[in-house]
Structure formats: C-alpha cells, structure tokens
C-alpha cells in the first residue's frame, strides 16, 4: 500500500491495518481547530484502537506539548503506529 496522506502528515500503511476513512480525517481536523480555538497547548489524549496511529500522530503534529497515548490490541497495528511515529519524528 505504501503511504497515504492524512491531514498534513503522510503515513506508511501495511496490511492488515486499515486505511483511515476520509470522514475520520475531517473529524480530526475539526477537533484540531476546536482545540486551537480553546487556546490549549498542553493536554492529555488517549487514542484507543489507534491502528496506524493516524489520529494520535496528527494531533501530536499540531500540539507538540500534548501528551498523547495510543493503544491497540493488535501487535501489527502497534508496530505500524511506532513506525509512523519514528518516520514523523
């Protein structure tokens, strides 16, 4: 599958992890806008069922001082999320 854009980041994708839906991307971008409007910069967030890490990593990209936790029960998903985290820095 290679890579896929998600918001303003690019994620590596590998089976069996699903590619995030366009609606998810739109929802996360709206959430980011709302958090920015609130003025919050430091907060904690838990992403349950992170998959590729798309939600957690996009929010972390916009809020470098936030504490983001991403969990998944599938080892393949966690491995992919870690790979994406490393690639994005």
C-alpha atoms as a PDB file:
ATOM      1  CA  UNK A   1       0.000   0.000   0.000  1.00  0.00           C
ATOM      2  CA  UNK A   2       2.888   2.365   0.601  1.00  0.00           C
ATOM      3  CA  UNK A   3       1.869   5.704   2.049  1.00  0.00           C
ATOM      4  CA  UNK A   4      -1.288   7.725   2.450  1.00  0.00           C
ATOM      5  CA  UNK A   5      -1.808  11.414   3.316  1.00  0.00           C
ATOM      6  CA  UNK A   6      -3.769  12.145   6.479  1.00  0.00           C
ATOM      7  CA  UNK A   7      -4.299  15.832   7.171  1.00  0.00           C
ATOM      8  CA  UNK A   8      -0.904  17.410   6.706  1.00  0.00           C
ATOM      9  CA  UNK A   9       1.138  14.294   7.527  1.00  0.00           C
ATOM     10  CA  UNK A  10       1.931  11.229   5.449  1.00  0.00           C
ATOM     11  CA  UNK A  11       1.614   7.775   6.992  1.00  0.00           C
ATOM     12  CA  UNK A  12       3.063   4.438   5.993  1.00  0.00           C
ATOM     13  CA  UNK A  13       0.422   1.761   5.541  1.00  0.00           C
ATOM     14  CA  UNK A  14       0.707  -2.018   5.677  1.00  0.00           C
ATOM     15  CA  UNK A  15      -1.883  -4.795   5.773  1.00  0.00           C
ATOM     16  CA  UNK A  16      -3.773  -5.817   7.847  1.00  0.00           C
ATOM     17  CA  UNK A  17      -4.143  -2.281   9.264  1.00  0.00           C
ATOM     18  CA  UNK A  18      -7.000  -0.362   7.661  1.00  0.00           C
ATOM     19  CA  UNK A  19      -6.556   3.000   5.959  1.00  0.00           C
ATOM     20  CA  UNK A  20      -8.382   5.736   7.868  1.00  0.00           C
ATOM     21  CA  UNK A  21     -11.565   6.959   6.244  1.00  0.00           C
ATOM     22  CA  UNK A  22     -11.853  10.465   4.820  1.00  0.00           C
ATOM     23  CA  UNK A  23     -14.553  11.192   7.423  1.00  0.00           C
ATOM     24  CA  UNK A  24     -12.065  10.394  10.187  1.00  0.00           C
ATOM     25  CA  UNK A  25      -9.562  12.842   8.719  1.00  0.00           C
ATOM     26  CA  UNK A  26     -12.228  15.556   8.533  1.00  0.00           C
ATOM     27  CA  UNK A  27     -13.313  14.876  12.126  1.00  0.00           C
ATOM     28  CA  UNK A  28      -9.741  15.078  13.429  1.00  0.00           C
ATOM     29  CA  UNK A  29      -9.076  18.331  11.558  1.00  0.00           C
ATOM     30  CA  UNK A  30     -12.238  19.836  13.121  1.00  0.00           C
ATOM     31  CA  UNK A  31     -11.083  18.655  16.555  1.00  0.00           C
ATOM     32  CA  UNK A  32      -7.678  20.270  15.995  1.00  0.00           C
ATOM     33  CA  UNK A  33      -9.377  23.537  15.042  1.00  0.00           C
ATOM     34  CA  UNK A  34     -11.511  23.411  18.203  1.00  0.00           C
ATOM     35  CA  UNK A  35      -8.509  22.701  20.431  1.00  0.00           C
ATOM     36  CA  UNK A  36      -6.575  25.571  18.824  1.00  0.00           C
ATOM     37  CA  UNK A  37      -9.550  27.894  19.329  1.00  0.00           C
ATOM     38  CA  UNK A  38      -9.632  26.957  23.018  1.00  0.00           C
ATOM     39  CA  UNK A  39      -6.013  28.016  23.435  1.00  0.00           C
ATOM     40  CA  UNK A  40      -4.982  24.702  24.970  1.00  0.00           C
ATOM     41  CA  UNK A  41      -1.455  23.598  24.158  1.00  0.00           C
ATOM     42  CA  UNK A  42      -0.757  21.103  26.941  1.00  0.00           C
ATOM     43  CA  UNK A  43      -3.285  18.329  27.445  1.00  0.00           C
ATOM     44  CA  UNK A  44      -3.501  14.540  27.537  1.00  0.00           C
ATOM     45  CA  UNK A  45      -5.275  12.415  24.953  1.00  0.00           C
ATOM     46  CA  UNK A  46      -5.936   8.666  24.734  1.00  0.00           C
ATOM     47  CA  UNK A  47      -6.407   7.119  21.277  1.00  0.00           C
ATOM     48  CA  UNK A  48      -7.952   3.670  21.774  1.00  0.00           C
ATOM     49  CA  UNK A  49      -7.668   1.374  18.768  1.00  0.00           C
ATOM     50  CA  UNK A  50      -5.012   3.562  17.185  1.00  0.00           C
ATOM     51  CA  UNK A  51      -4.389   1.407  14.108  1.00  0.00           C
ATOM     52  CA  UNK A  52      -1.800   3.252  12.017  1.00  0.00           C
ATOM     53  CA  UNK A  53      -1.628   5.994  14.649  1.00  0.00           C
ATOM     54  CA  UNK A  54      -3.249   8.487  12.282  1.00  0.00           C
ATOM     55  CA  UNK A  55      -5.350  10.320  14.890  1.00  0.00           C
ATOM     56  CA  UNK A  56      -2.730  10.412  17.631  1.00  0.00           C
ATOM     57  CA  UNK A  57       0.064  11.415  15.264  1.00  0.00           C
ATOM     58  CA  UNK A  58      -1.874  14.165  13.510  1.00  0.00           C
ATOM     59  CA  UNK A  59      -2.886  15.693  16.837  1.00  0.00           C
ATOM     60  CA  UNK A  60       0.695  15.347  18.138  1.00  0.00           C
ATOM     61  CA  UNK A  61       1.925  17.060  14.966  1.00  0.00           C
ATOM     62  CA  UNK A  62      -0.228  20.103  15.735  1.00  0.00           C
ATOM     63  CA  UNK A  63       0.294  20.074  19.511  1.00  0.00           C
ATOM     64  CA  UNK A  64       3.898  19.107  20.317  1.00  0.00           C
ATOM     65  CA  UNK A  65       3.408  19.844  24.031  1.00  0.00           C
ATOM     66  CA  UNK A  66       0.424  17.494  24.387  1.00  0.00           C
ATOM     67  CA  UNK A  67       0.829  14.096  25.998  1.00  0.00           C
ATOM     68  CA  UNK A  68      -0.649  11.546  23.589  1.00  0.00           C
ATOM     69  CA  UNK A  69      -1.199   7.874  24.411  1.00  0.00           C
ATOM     70  CA  UNK A  70      -2.065   5.451  21.609  1.00  0.00           C
ATOM     71  CA  UNK A  71      -3.111   1.855  22.314  1.00  0.00           C
ATOM     72  CA  UNK A  72      -4.224  -1.074  20.215  1.00  0.00           C
ATOM     73  CA  UNK A  73      -4.673  -4.770  20.915  1.00  0.00           C
ATOM     74  CA  UNK A  74      -3.248  -5.789  17.529  1.00  0.00           C
ATOM     75  CA  UNK A  75       0.561  -6.108  17.532  1.00  0.00           C
ATOM     76  CA  UNK A  76       0.665  -5.324  13.787  1.00  0.00           C
ATOM     77  CA  UNK A  77      -1.159  -2.055  14.385  1.00  0.00           C
ATOM     78  CA  UNK A  78       1.169  -1.028  17.204  1.00  0.00           C
ATOM     79  CA  UNK A  79       4.209  -1.854  15.081  1.00  0.00           C
ATOM     80  CA  UNK A  80       2.859   0.315  12.254  1.00  0.00           C
ATOM     81  CA  UNK A  81       1.966   3.166  14.620  1.00  0.00           C
ATOM     82  CA  UNK A  82       5.508   3.054  16.045  1.00  0.00           C
ATOM     83  CA  UNK A  83       6.978   3.066  12.521  1.00  0.00           C
ATOM     84  CA  UNK A  84       4.868   6.106  11.636  1.00  0.00           C
ATOM     85  CA  UNK A  85       5.894   7.828  14.870  1.00  0.00           C
ATOM     86  CA  UNK A  86       9.566   7.255  14.085  1.00  0.00           C
ATOM     87  CA  UNK A  87       9.193   8.473  10.497  1.00  0.00           C
ATOM     88  CA  UNK A  88       7.398  11.635  11.626  1.00  0.00           C
ATOM     89  CA  UNK A  89       9.833  12.329  14.448  1.00  0.00           C
END
